[in-house]
């Protein structure tokens, strides 16, 4: 359900950008979404299709680019990519002392217009 306000924000950014650049139509919107975010692509697409009706963004293609998250073991310094649900322990040494970085991004990466 939290995808609705997120999608409203995406559409607002896209429309403002299009208007500032005298666009006639928005053709593509590229989104950067971290692997640790709980954003569901299909839900964003569904809401976007509804909200963009009768706007410059109607029919625009959404492109979802997932950025990874990395865990670093504090014991052995092993680094590995993680996705939810997180690993319980380091796959190299079994330590539970892990530090996760990245994968929380969510922003409009680029917008293509006509």
PDB file of N, CA and C in Angstrom:
ATOM      1  N   UNK A   1       0.826  -1.207   0.000  1.00  0.00           N
ATOM      2  CA  UNK A   1       0.000   0.000   0.000  1.00  0.00           C
ATOM      3  C   UNK A   1       0.863   1.261   0.000  1.00  0.00           C
ATOM      4  N   UNK A   2       2.066   1.194   0.525  1.00  0.00           N
ATOM      5  CA  UNK A   2       2.919   2.385   0.554  1.00  0.00           C
ATOM      6  C   UNK A   2       3.434   2.759  -0.830  1.00  0.00           C
ATOM      7  N   UNK A   3       3.180   1.915  -1.826  1.00  0.00           N
ATOM      8  CA  UNK A   3       3.589   2.241  -3.190  1.00  0.00           C
ATOM      9  C   UNK A   3       2.770   3.381  -3.780  1.00  0.00           C
ATOM     10  N   UNK A   4       1.553   3.611  -3.278  1.00  0.00           N
ATOM     11  CA  UNK A   4       0.721   4.693  -3.815  1.00  0.00           C
ATOM     12  C   UNK A   4       1.386   6.057  -3.618  1.00  0.00           C
ATOM     13  N   UNK A   5       1.742   6.460  -2.397  1.00  0.00           N
ATOM     14  CA  UNK A   5       2.388   7.772  -2.260  1.00  0.00           C
ATOM     15  C   UNK A   5       3.754   7.841  -2.957  1.00  0.00           C
ATOM     16  N   UNK A   6       4.463   6.731  -3.005  1.00  0.00           N
ATOM     17  CA  UNK A   6       5.741   6.683  -3.709  1.00  0.00           C
ATOM     18  C   UNK A   6       5.519   6.949  -5.194  1.00  0.00           C
ATOM     19  N   UNK A   7       4.510   6.321  -5.760  1.00  0.00           N
ATOM     20  CA  UNK A   7       4.211   6.491  -7.180  1.00  0.00           C
ATOM     21  C   UNK A   7       3.719   7.901  -7.467  1.00  0.00           C
ATOM     22  N   UNK A   8       2.957   8.480  -6.555  1.00  0.00           N
ATOM     23  CA  UNK A   8       2.524   9.865  -6.720  1.00  0.00           C
ATOM     24  C   UNK A   8       3.745  10.792  -6.792  1.00  0.00           C
ATOM     25  N   UNK A   9       4.738  10.521  -5.973  1.00  0.00           N
ATOM     26  CA  UNK A   9       5.972  11.311  -5.989  1.00  0.00           C
ATOM     27  C   UNK A   9       6.734  11.156  -7.290  1.00  0.00           C
ATOM     28  N   UNK A  10       6.807   9.932  -7.789  1.00  0.00           N
ATOM     29  CA  UNK A  10       7.484   9.672  -9.070  1.00  0.00           C
ATOM     30  C   UNK A  10       6.801  10.473 -10.180  1.00  0.00           C
ATOM     31  N   UNK A  11       5.490  10.396 -10.221  1.00  0.00           N
ATOM     32  CA  UNK A  11       4.735  11.089 -11.267  1.00  0.00           C
ATOM     33  C   UNK A  11       4.918  12.601 -11.146  1.00  0.00           C
ATOM     34  N   UNK A  12       4.888  13.122  -9.947  1.00  0.00           N
ATOM     35  CA  UNK A  12       5.055  14.559  -9.740  1.00  0.00           C
ATOM     36  C   UNK A  12       6.426  15.024 -10.237  1.00  0.00           C
ATOM     37  N   UNK A  13       7.479  14.298  -9.905  1.00  0.00           N
ATOM     38  CA  UNK A  13       8.827  14.639 -10.365  1.00  0.00           C
ATOM     39  C   UNK A  13       8.894  14.608 -11.883  1.00  0.00           C
ATOM     40  N   UNK A  14       8.326  13.573 -12.471  1.00  0.00           N
ATOM     41  CA  UNK A  14       8.362  13.427 -13.922  1.00  0.00           C
ATOM     42  C   UNK A  14       7.603  14.552 -14.616  1.00  0.00           C
ATOM     43  N   UNK A  15       6.423  14.884 -14.112  1.00  0.00           N
ATOM     44  CA  UNK A  15       5.622  15.934 -14.738  1.00  0.00           C
ATOM     45  C   UNK A  15       6.273  17.305 -14.599  1.00  0.00           C
ATOM     46  N   UNK A  16       6.828  17.595 -13.426  1.00  0.00           N
ATOM     47  CA  UNK A  16       7.514  18.874 -13.223  1.00  0.00           C
ATOM     48  C   UNK A  16       8.720  18.998 -14.147  1.00  0.00           C
ATOM     49  N   UNK A  17       9.472  17.913 -14.275  1.00  0.00           N
ATOM     50  CA  UNK A  17      10.640  17.918 -15.159  1.00  0.00           C
ATOM     51  C   UNK A  17      10.225  18.108 -16.605  1.00  0.00           C
ATOM     52  N   UNK A  18       9.179  17.428 -17.009  1.00  0.00           N
ATOM     53  CA  UNK A  18       8.687  17.548 -18.381  1.00  0.00           C
ATOM     54  C   UNK A  18       8.222  18.978 -18.667  1.00  0.00           C
ATOM     55  N   UNK A  19       7.495  19.573 -17.740  1.00  0.00           N
ATOM     56  CA  UNK A  19       7.012  20.939 -17.937  1.00  0.00           C
ATOM     57  C   UNK A  19       8.166  21.933 -17.998  1.00  0.00           C
ATOM     58  N   UNK A  20       9.181  21.750 -17.167  1.00  0.00           N
ATOM     59  CA  UNK A  20      10.338  22.647 -17.164  1.00  0.00           C
ATOM     60  C   UNK A  20      11.110  22.568 -18.474  1.00  0.00           C
ATOM     61  N   UNK A  21      10.978  21.451 -19.189  1.00  0.00           N
ATOM     62  CA  UNK A  21      11.705  21.239 -20.435  1.00  0.00           C
ATOM     63  C   UNK A  21      10.795  21.297 -21.662  1.00  0.00           C
ATOM     64  N   UNK A  22       9.603  21.865 -21.500  1.00  0.00           N
ATOM     65  CA  UNK A  22       8.647  22.030 -22.597  1.00  0.00           C
ATOM     66  C   UNK A  22       8.393  20.739 -23.368  1.00  0.00           C
ATOM     67  N   UNK A  23       8.270  19.650 -22.641  1.00  0.00           N
ATOM     68  CA  UNK A  23       8.030  18.340 -23.275  1.00  0.00           C
ATOM     69  C   UNK A  23       6.580  18.202 -23.695  1.00  0.00           C
ATOM     70  N   UNK A  24       6.388  17.397 -24.710  1.00  0.00           N
ATOM     71  CA  UNK A  24       5.037  17.080 -25.173  1.00  0.00           C
ATOM     72  C   UNK A  24       4.570  15.743 -24.607  1.00  0.00           C
ATOM     73  N   UNK A  25       5.571  14.917 -24.226  1.00  0.00           N
ATOM     74  CA  UNK A  25       5.240  13.576 -23.739  1.00  0.00           C
ATOM     75  C   UNK A  25       6.425  13.005 -22.971  1.00  0.00           C
ATOM     76  N   UNK A  26       6.134  12.240 -21.947  1.00  0.00           N
ATOM     77  CA  UNK A  26       7.156  11.483 -21.213  1.00  0.00           C
ATOM     78  C   UNK A  26       7.112  10.068 -21.759  1.00  0.00           C
ATOM     79  N   UNK A  27       8.242   9.566 -22.229  1.00  0.00           N
ATOM     80  CA  UNK A  27       8.253   8.228 -22.826  1.00  0.00           C
ATOM     81  C   UNK A  27       8.773   7.154 -21.889  1.00  0.00           C
ATOM     82  N   UNK A  28       9.770   7.494 -21.073  1.00  0.00           N
ATOM     83  CA  UNK A  28      10.396   6.505 -20.187  1.00  0.00           C
ATOM     84  C   UNK A  28      10.815   7.160 -18.888  1.00  0.00           C
ATOM     85  N   UNK A  29      10.696   6.402 -17.809  1.00  0.00           N
ATOM     86  CA  UNK A  29      11.171   6.844 -16.497  1.00  0.00           C
ATOM     87  C   UNK A  29      12.014   5.712 -15.924  1.00  0.00           C
ATOM     88  N   UNK A  30      13.255   6.035 -15.589  1.00  0.00           N
ATOM     89  CA  UNK A  30      14.173   5.045 -15.028  1.00  0.00           C
ATOM     90  C   UNK A  30      14.274   5.282 -13.528  1.00  0.00           C
ATOM     91  N   UNK A  31      14.019   4.221 -12.770  1.00  0.00           N
ATOM     92  CA  UNK A  31      14.004   4.301 -11.311  1.00  0.00           C
ATOM     93  C   UNK A  31      15.138   3.460 -10.721  1.00  0.00           C
ATOM     94  N   UNK A  32      15.833   4.020  -9.752  1.00  0.00           N
ATOM     95  CA  UNK A  32      16.843   3.275  -9.004  1.00  0.00           C
ATOM     96  C   UNK A  32      16.210   2.870  -7.677  1.00  0.00           C
ATOM     97  N   UNK A  33      16.190   1.572  -7.431  1.00  0.00           N
ATOM     98  CA  UNK A  33      15.542   1.043  -6.234  1.00  0.00           C
ATOM     99  C   UNK A  33      16.495   0.073  -5.551  1.00  0.00           C
ATOM    100  N   UNK A  34      16.764   0.312  -4.297  1.00  0.00           N
ATOM    101  CA  UNK A  34      17.657  -0.555  -3.545  1.00  0.00           C
ATOM    102  C   UNK A  34      17.028  -1.901  -3.249  1.00  0.00           C
ATOM    103  N   UNK A  35      17.876  -2.916  -3.224  1.00  0.00           N
ATOM    104  CA  UNK A  35      17.421  -4.284  -2.961  1.00  0.00           C
ATOM    105  C   UNK A  35      16.788  -4.424  -1.573  1.00  0.00           C
ATOM    106  N   UNK A  36      17.146  -3.546  -0.662  1.00  0.00           N
ATOM    107  CA  UNK A  36      16.611  -3.624   0.701  1.00  0.00           C
ATOM    108  C   UNK A  36      15.294  -2.864   0.863  1.00  0.00           C
ATOM    109  N   UNK A  37      14.895  -2.134  -0.167  1.00  0.00           N
ATOM    110  CA  UNK A  37      13.623  -1.421  -0.064  1.00  0.00           C
ATOM    111  C   UNK A  37      12.491  -2.431  -0.201  1.00  0.00           C
ATOM    112  N   UNK A  38      11.354  -2.054   0.284  1.00  0.00           N
ATOM    113  CA  UNK A  38      10.211  -2.963   0.197  1.00  0.00           C
ATOM    114  C   UNK A  38       9.294  -2.574  -0.959  1.00  0.00           C
ATOM    115  N   UNK A  39       9.823  -1.832  -1.912  1.00  0.00           N
ATOM    116  CA  UNK A  39       9.044  -1.389  -3.072  1.00  0.00           C
ATOM    117  C   UNK A  39       8.781  -2.578  -3.995  1.00  0.00           C
ATOM    118  N   UNK A  40       7.527  -2.761  -4.369  1.00  0.00           N
ATOM    119  CA  UNK A  40       7.126  -3.838  -5.277  1.00  0.00           C
ATOM    120  C   UNK A  40       6.889  -3.234  -6.660  1.00  0.00           C
ATOM    121  N   UNK A  41       7.711  -3.657  -7.625  1.00  0.00           N
ATOM    122  CA  UNK A  41       7.660  -3.093  -8.978  1.00  0.00           C
ATOM    123  C   UNK A  41       6.260  -3.140  -9.574  1.00  0.00           C
ATOM    124  N   UNK A  42       5.597  -4.263  -9.482  1.00  0.00           N
ATOM    125  CA  UNK A  42       4.270  -4.412 -10.086  1.00  0.00           C
ATOM    126  C   UNK A  42       3.258  -3.442  -9.480  1.00  0.00           C
ATOM    127  N   UNK A  43       3.366  -3.194  -8.190  1.00  0.00           N
ATOM    128  CA  UNK A  43       2.454  -2.254  -7.538  1.00  0.00           C
ATOM    129  C   UNK A  43       2.709  -0.836  -8.016  1.00  0.00           C
ATOM    130  N   UNK A  44       3.976  -0.458  -8.141  1.00  0.00           N
ATOM    131  CA  UNK A  44       4.312   0.872  -8.647  1.00  0.00           C
ATOM    132  C   UNK A  44       3.775   1.018 -10.072  1.00  0.00           C
ATOM    133  N   UNK A  45       3.974   0.012 -10.883  1.00  0.00           N
ATOM    134  CA  UNK A  45       3.493   0.061 -12.269  1.00  0.00           C
ATOM    135  C   UNK A  45       1.975   0.202 -12.305  1.00  0.00           C
ATOM    136  N   UNK A  46       1.280  -0.557 -11.466  1.00  0.00           N
ATOM    137  CA  UNK A  46      -0.180  -0.502 -11.411  1.00  0.00           C
ATOM    138  C   UNK A  46      -0.659   0.905 -11.064  1.00  0.00           C
ATOM    139  N   UNK A  47      -0.112   1.468  -9.981  1.00  0.00           N
ATOM    140  CA  UNK A  47      -0.515   2.809  -9.566  1.00  0.00           C
ATOM    141  C   UNK A  47      -0.112   3.856 -10.601  1.00  0.00           C
ATOM    142  N   UNK A  48       1.052   3.687 -11.206  1.00  0.00           N
ATOM    143  CA  UNK A  48       1.496   4.643 -12.213  1.00  0.00           C
ATOM    144  C   UNK A  48       0.529   4.667 -13.399  1.00  0.00           C
ATOM    145  N   UNK A  49       0.119   3.508 -13.845  1.00  0.00           N
ATOM    146  CA  UNK A  49      -0.817   3.434 -14.963  1.00  0.00           C
ATOM    147  C   UNK A  49      -2.126   4.164 -14.641  1.00  0.00           C
ATOM    148  N   UNK A  50      -2.596   4.038 -13.412  1.00  0.00           N
ATOM    149  CA  UNK A  50      -3.832   4.724 -12.999  1.00  0.00           C
ATOM    150  C   UNK A  50      -3.627   6.229 -12.862  1.00  0.00           C
ATOM    151  N   UNK A  51      -2.572   6.619 -12.164  1.00  0.00           N
ATOM    152  CA  UNK A  51      -2.345   8.029 -11.865  1.00  0.00           C
ATOM    153  C   UNK A  51      -1.925   8.859 -13.076  1.00  0.00           C
ATOM    154  N   UNK A  52      -1.295   8.231 -14.041  1.00  0.00           N
ATOM    155  CA  UNK A  52      -0.765   8.987 -15.176  1.00  0.00           C
ATOM    156  C   UNK A  52      -1.782   9.199 -16.298  1.00  0.00           C
ATOM    157  N   UNK A  53      -2.960   8.649 -16.156  1.00  0.00           N
ATOM    158  CA  UNK A  53      -3.990   8.839 -17.188  1.00  0.00           C
ATOM    159  C   UNK A  53      -4.240  10.322 -17.419  1.00  0.00           C
ATOM    160  N   UNK A  54      -4.345  10.674 -18.693  1.00  0.00           N
ATOM    161  CA  UNK A  54      -4.625  12.057 -19.100  1.00  0.00           C
ATOM    162  C   UNK A  54      -3.539  13.045 -18.676  1.00  0.00           C
ATOM    163  N   UNK A  55      -2.302  12.562 -18.543  1.00  0.00           N
ATOM    164  CA  UNK A  55      -1.164  13.440 -18.257  1.00  0.00           C
ATOM    165  C   UNK A  55      -0.106  13.219 -19.338  1.00  0.00           C
ATOM    166  N   UNK A  56       0.948  14.015 -19.304  1.00  0.00           N
ATOM    167  CA  UNK A  56       2.069  13.846 -20.233  1.00  0.00           C
ATOM    168  C   UNK A  56       2.761  12.494 -20.054  1.00  0.00           C
ATOM    169  N   UNK A  57       2.532  11.859 -18.925  1.00  0.00           N
ATOM    170  CA  UNK A  57       3.209  10.587 -18.624  1.00  0.00           C
ATOM    171  C   UNK A  57       2.388   9.360 -18.995  1.00  0.00           C
ATOM    172  N   UNK A  58       1.189   9.573 -19.476  1.00  0.00           N
ATOM    173  CA  UNK A  58       0.357   8.414 -19.831  1.00  0.00           C
ATOM    174  C   UNK A  58       1.082   7.567 -20.887  1.00  0.00           C
ATOM    175  N   UNK A  59       1.180   6.269 -20.619  1.00  0.00           N
ATOM    176  CA  UNK A  59       1.833   5.347 -21.538  1.00  0.00           C
ATOM    177  C   UNK A  59       3.347   5.264 -21.388  1.00  0.00           C
ATOM    178  N   UNK A  60       3.920   6.055 -20.498  1.00  0.00           N
ATOM    179  CA  UNK A  60       5.374   6.006 -20.294  1.00  0.00           C
ATOM    180  C   UNK A  60       5.782   4.652 -19.726  1.00  0.00           C
ATOM    181  N   UNK A  61       6.946   4.196 -20.127  1.00  0.00           N
ATOM    182  CA  UNK A  61       7.478   2.925 -19.630  1.00  0.00           C
ATOM    183  C   UNK A  61       8.302   3.185 -18.369  1.00  0.00           C
ATOM    184  N   UNK A  62       8.044   2.413 -17.345  1.00  0.00           N
ATOM    185  CA  UNK A  62       8.856   2.469 -16.128  1.00  0.00           C
ATOM    186  C   UNK A  62       9.938   1.403 -16.237  1.00  0.00           C
ATOM    187  N   UNK A  63      11.167   1.781 -15.903  1.00  0.00           N
ATOM    188  CA  UNK A  63      12.295   0.856 -15.907  1.00  0.00           C
ATOM    189  C   UNK A  63      12.829   0.795 -14.478  1.00  0.00           C
ATOM    190  N   UNK A  64      12.833  -0.394 -13.914  1.00  0.00           N
ATOM    191  CA  UNK A  64      13.250  -0.592 -12.532  1.00  0.00           C
ATOM    192  C   UNK A  64      14.683  -1.130 -12.506  1.00  0.00           C
ATOM    193  N   UNK A  65      15.579  -0.386 -11.889  1.00  0.00           N
ATOM    194  CA  UNK A  65      16.976  -0.796 -11.772  1.00  0.00           C
ATOM    195  C   UNK A  65      17.262  -1.032 -10.290  1.00  0.00           C
ATOM    196  N   UNK A  66      17.486  -2.277  -9.938  1.00  0.00           N
ATOM    197  CA  UNK A  66      17.744  -2.636  -8.537  1.00  0.00           C
ATOM    198  C   UNK A  66      19.221  -2.494  -8.203  1.00  0.00           C
ATOM    199  N   UNK A  67      19.516  -1.771  -7.140  1.00  0.00           N
ATOM    200  CA  UNK A  67      20.900  -1.648  -6.682  1.00  0.00           C
ATOM    201  C   UNK A  67      21.103  -2.600  -5.506  1.00  0.00           C
ATOM    202  N   UNK A  68      22.223  -3.278  -5.477  1.00  0.00           N
ATOM    203  CA  UNK A  68      22.440  -4.309  -4.454  1.00  0.00           C
ATOM    204  C   UNK A  68      22.793  -3.734  -3.084  1.00  0.00           C
ATOM    205  N   UNK A  69      22.648  -4.574  -2.103  1.00  0.00           N
ATOM    206  CA  UNK A  69      23.116  -4.291  -0.748  1.00  0.00           C
ATOM    207  C   UNK A  69      24.277  -5.233  -0.473  1.00  0.00           C
ATOM    208  N   UNK A  70      25.205  -4.770   0.339  1.00  0.00           N
ATOM    209  CA  UNK A  70      26.386  -5.569   0.650  1.00  0.00           C
ATOM    210  C   UNK A  70      26.506  -5.735   2.161  1.00  0.00           C
ATOM    211  N   UNK A  71      26.816  -6.945   2.568  1.00  0.00           N
ATOM    212  CA  UNK A  71      27.093  -7.205   3.979  1.00  0.00           C
ATOM    213  C   UNK A  71      28.591  -7.429   4.138  1.00  0.00           C
ATOM    214  N   UNK A  72      29.128  -6.888   5.210  1.00  0.00           N
ATOM    215  CA  UNK A  72      30.533  -7.094   5.550  1.00  0.00           C
ATOM    216  C   UNK A  72      30.589  -7.741   6.927  1.00  0.00           C
ATOM    217  N   UNK A  73      31.326  -8.820   7.015  1.00  0.00           N
ATOM    218  CA  UNK A  73      31.495  -9.511   8.294  1.00  0.00           C
ATOM    219  C   UNK A  73      32.536  -8.766   9.114  1.00  0.00           C
ATOM    220  N   UNK A  74      32.201  -8.440  10.346  1.00  0.00           N
ATOM    221  CA  UNK A  74      33.147  -7.721  11.211  1.00  0.00           C
ATOM    222  C   UNK A  74      34.261  -8.637  11.699  1.00  0.00           C
ATOM    223  N   UNK A  75      34.039  -9.944  11.666  1.00  0.00           N
ATOM    224  CA  UNK A  75      35.058 -10.894  12.124  1.00  0.00           C
ATOM    225  C   UNK A  75      36.136 -11.135  11.069  1.00  0.00           C
ATOM    226  N   UNK A  76      35.710 -11.519   9.850  1.00  0.00           N
ATOM    227  CA  UNK A  76      36.687 -11.925   8.829  1.00  0.00           C
ATOM    228  C   UNK A  76      36.778 -10.952   7.649  1.00  0.00           C
ATOM    229  N   UNK A  77      35.946  -9.885   7.664  1.00  0.00           N
ATOM    230  CA  UNK A  77      35.916  -8.864   6.611  1.00  0.00           C
ATOM    231  C   UNK A  77      35.401  -9.376   5.262  1.00  0.00           C
ATOM    232  N   UNK A  78      34.819 -10.564   5.245  1.00  0.00           N
ATOM    233  CA  UNK A  78      34.230 -11.101   4.003  1.00  0.00           C
ATOM    234  C   UNK A  78      33.052 -10.220   3.602  1.00  0.00           C
ATOM    235  N   UNK A  79      32.968  -9.873   2.310  1.00  0.00           N
ATOM    236  CA  UNK A  79      31.855  -9.089   1.794  1.00  0.00           C
ATOM    237  C   UNK A  79      31.033  -9.948   0.841  1.00  0.00           C
ATOM    238  N   UNK A  80      29.714  -9.787   0.936  1.00  0.00           N
ATOM    239  CA  UNK A  80      28.829 -10.544   0.066  1.00  0.00           C
ATOM    240  C   UNK A  80      27.534  -9.768  -0.146  1.00  0.00           C
ATOM    241  N   UNK A  81      26.917  -9.998  -1.313  1.00  0.00           N
ATOM    242  CA  UNK A  81      25.665  -9.336  -1.649  1.00  0.00           C
ATOM    243  C   UNK A  81      24.532  -9.960  -0.856  1.00  0.00           C
ATOM    244  N   UNK A  82      23.599  -9.125  -0.401  1.00  0.00           N
ATOM    245  CA  UNK A  82      22.463  -9.624   0.375  1.00  0.00           C
ATOM    246  C   UNK A  82      21.153  -9.087  -0.196  1.00  0.00           C
ATOM    247  N   UNK A  83      20.119  -9.875  -0.013  1.00  0.00           N
ATOM    248  CA  UNK A  83      18.749  -9.494  -0.342  1.00  0.00           C
ATOM    249  C   UNK A  83      17.866  -9.969   0.804  1.00  0.00           C
ATOM    250  N   UNK A  84      16.734  -9.311   1.007  1.00  0.00           N
ATOM    251  CA  UNK A  84      15.852  -9.789   2.064  1.00  0.00           C
ATOM    252  C   UNK A  84      15.340 -11.185   1.745  1.00  0.00           C
ATOM    253  N   UNK A  85      15.177 -12.044   2.711  1.00  0.00           N
ATOM    254  CA  UNK A  85      15.571 -11.864   4.109  1.00  0.00           C
ATOM    255  C   UNK A  85      17.081 -11.991   4.253  1.00  0.00           C
ATOM    256  N   UNK A  86      17.622 -11.236   5.186  1.00  0.00           N
ATOM    257  CA  UNK A  86      19.069 -11.215   5.384  1.00  0.00           C
ATOM    258  C   UNK A  86      19.596 -12.540   5.911  1.00  0.00           C
ATOM    259  N   UNK A  87      20.837 -12.807   5.564  1.00  0.00           N
ATOM    260  CA  UNK A  87      21.506 -14.020   6.061  1.00  0.00           C
ATOM    261  C   UNK A  87      21.672 -13.918   7.575  1.00  0.00           C
ATOM    262  N   UNK A  88      21.580 -15.058   8.238  1.00  0.00           N
ATOM    263  CA  UNK A  88      21.748 -15.092   9.688  1.00  0.00           C
ATOM    264  C   UNK A  88      23.205 -14.935  10.097  1.00  0.00           C
ATOM    265  N   UNK A  89      24.102 -15.366   9.215  1.00  0.00           N
ATOM    266  CA  UNK A  89      25.517 -15.389   9.570  1.00  0.00           C
ATOM    267  C   UNK A  89      26.377 -15.256   8.318  1.00  0.00           C
ATOM    268  N   UNK A  90      27.633 -14.950   8.535  1.00  0.00           N
ATOM    269  CA  UNK A  90      28.598 -14.838   7.445  1.00  0.00           C
ATOM    270  C   UNK A  90      28.789 -16.212   6.802  1.00  0.00           C
ATOM    271  N   UNK A  91      28.694 -16.299   5.479  1.00  0.00           N
ATOM    272  CA  UNK A  91      28.878 -17.589   4.825  1.00  0.00           C
ATOM    273  C   UNK A  91      30.330 -18.076   4.864  1.00  0.00           C
ATOM    274  N   UNK A  92      31.263 -17.187   5.166  1.00  0.00           N
ATOM    275  CA  UNK A  92      32.672 -17.573   5.201  1.00  0.00           C
ATOM    276  C   UNK A  92      33.104 -18.109   6.567  1.00  0.00           C
ATOM    277  N   UNK A  93      32.644 -17.431   7.655  1.00  0.00           N
ATOM    278  CA  UNK A  93      33.134 -17.843   8.975  1.00  0.00           C
ATOM    279  C   UNK A  93      32.026 -18.156   9.982  1.00  0.00           C
ATOM    280  N   UNK A  94      30.772 -17.857   9.638  1.00  0.00           N
ATOM    281  CA  UNK A  94      29.662 -18.163  10.537  1.00  0.00           C
ATOM    282  C   UNK A  94      29.363 -17.094  11.579  1.00  0.00           C
ATOM    283  N   UNK A  95      30.116 -16.003  11.588  1.00  0.00           N
ATOM    284  CA  UNK A  95      29.884 -14.932  12.549  1.00  0.00           C
ATOM    285  C   UNK A  95      28.530 -14.269  12.292  1.00  0.00           C
ATOM    286  N   UNK A  96      27.915 -13.815  13.376  1.00  0.00           N
ATOM    287  CA  UNK A  96      26.646 -13.098  13.228  1.00  0.00           C
ATOM    288  C   UNK A  96      26.861 -11.586  13.265  1.00  0.00           C
ATOM    289  N   UNK A  97      28.098 -11.151  13.321  1.00  0.00           N
ATOM    290  CA  UNK A  97      28.415  -9.721  13.372  1.00  0.00           C
ATOM    291  C   UNK A  97      28.566  -9.195  11.942  1.00  0.00           C
ATOM    292  N   UNK A  98      27.443  -8.766  11.378  1.00  0.00           N
ATOM    293  CA  UNK A  98      27.413  -8.307   9.991  1.00  0.00           C
ATOM    294  C   UNK A  98      26.994  -6.842   9.936  1.00  0.00           C
ATOM    295  N   UNK A  99      27.560  -6.130   8.987  1.00  0.00           N
ATOM    296  CA  UNK A  99      27.204  -4.736   8.750  1.00  0.00           C
ATOM    297  C   UNK A  99      26.710  -4.629   7.309  1.00  0.00           C
ATOM    298  N   UNK A 100      25.472  -4.172   7.137  1.00  0.00           N
ATOM    299  CA  UNK A 100      24.871  -4.075   5.808  1.00  0.00           C
ATOM    300  C   UNK A 100      24.917  -2.621   5.336  1.00  0.00           C
ATOM    301  N   UNK A 101      25.368  -2.438   4.095  1.00  0.00           N
ATOM    302  CA  UNK A 101      25.412  -1.104   3.492  1.00  0.00           C
ATOM    303  C   UNK A 101      24.750  -1.141   2.121  1.00  0.00           C
ATOM    304  N   UNK A 102      24.242   0.013   1.711  1.00  0.00           N
ATOM    305  CA  UNK A 102      23.638   0.140   0.389  1.00  0.00           C
ATOM    306  C   UNK A 102      22.294  -0.551   0.302  1.00  0.00           C
ATOM    307  N   UNK A 103      21.725  -0.496  -0.884  1.00  0.00           N
ATOM    308  CA  UNK A 103      20.463  -1.178  -1.132  1.00  0.00           C
ATOM    309  C   UNK A 103      19.235  -0.485  -0.597  1.00  0.00           C
ATOM    310  N   UNK A 104      19.379   0.752  -0.118  1.00  0.00           N
ATOM    311  CA  UNK A 104      18.228   1.479   0.428  1.00  0.00           C
ATOM    312  C   UNK A 104      17.792   2.638  -0.478  1.00  0.00           C
ATOM    313  N   UNK A 105      18.433   2.750  -1.617  1.00  0.00           N
ATOM    314  CA  UNK A 105      18.164   3.858  -2.513  1.00  0.00           C
ATOM    315  C   UNK A 105      16.757   3.771  -3.106  1.00  0.00           C
ATOM    316  N   UNK A 106      16.213   4.928  -3.401  1.00  0.00           N
ATOM    317  CA  UNK A 106      14.994   5.003  -4.185  1.00  0.00           C
ATOM    318  C   UNK A 106      14.918   6.409  -4.755  1.00  0.00           C
ATOM    319  N   UNK A 107      15.093   6.514  -6.068  1.00  0.00           N
ATOM    320  CA  UNK A 107      15.015   7.826  -6.707  1.00  0.00           C
ATOM    321  C   UNK A 107      14.782   7.666  -8.208  1.00  0.00           C
ATOM    322  N   UNK A 108      14.348   8.771  -8.823  1.00  0.00           N
ATOM    323  CA  UNK A 108      14.183   8.814 -10.270  1.00  0.00           C
ATOM    324  C   UNK A 108      15.572   9.048 -10.845  1.00  0.00           C
ATOM    325  N   UNK A 109      16.050   8.089 -11.601  1.00  0.00           N
ATOM    326  CA  UNK A 109      17.387   8.131 -12.168  1.00  0.00           C
ATOM    327  C   UNK A 109      17.429   9.018 -13.416  1.00  0.00           C
ATOM    328  N   UNK A 110      16.441   8.843 -14.290  1.00  0.00           N
ATOM    329  CA  UNK A 110      16.361   9.667 -15.500  1.00  0.00           C
ATOM    330  C   UNK A 110      14.954   9.605 -16.073  1.00  0.00           C
ATOM    331  N   UNK A 111      14.666  10.617 -16.893  1.00  0.00           N
ATOM    332  CA  UNK A 111      13.369  10.726 -17.554  1.00  0.00           C
ATOM    333  C   UNK A 111      13.623  11.028 -19.018  1.00  0.00           C
ATOM    334  N   UNK A 112      12.947  10.283 -19.881  1.00  0.00           N
ATOM    335  CA  UNK A 112      13.063  10.528 -21.320  1.00  0.00           C
ATOM    336  C   UNK A 112      11.774  11.186 -21.799  1.00  0.00           C
ATOM    337  N   UNK A 113      11.936  12.246 -22.576  1.00  0.00           N
ATOM    338  CA  UNK A 113      10.789  13.025 -23.039  1.00  0.00           C
ATOM    339  C   UNK A 113      10.860  13.258 -24.546  1.00  0.00           C
ATOM    340  N   UNK A 114       9.725  13.598 -25.112  1.00  0.00           N
ATOM    341  CA  UNK A 114       9.631  14.049 -26.504  1.00  0.00           C
ATOM    342  C   UNK A 114       9.275  15.509 -26.514  1.00  0.00           C
TER     343      UNK A 114
END
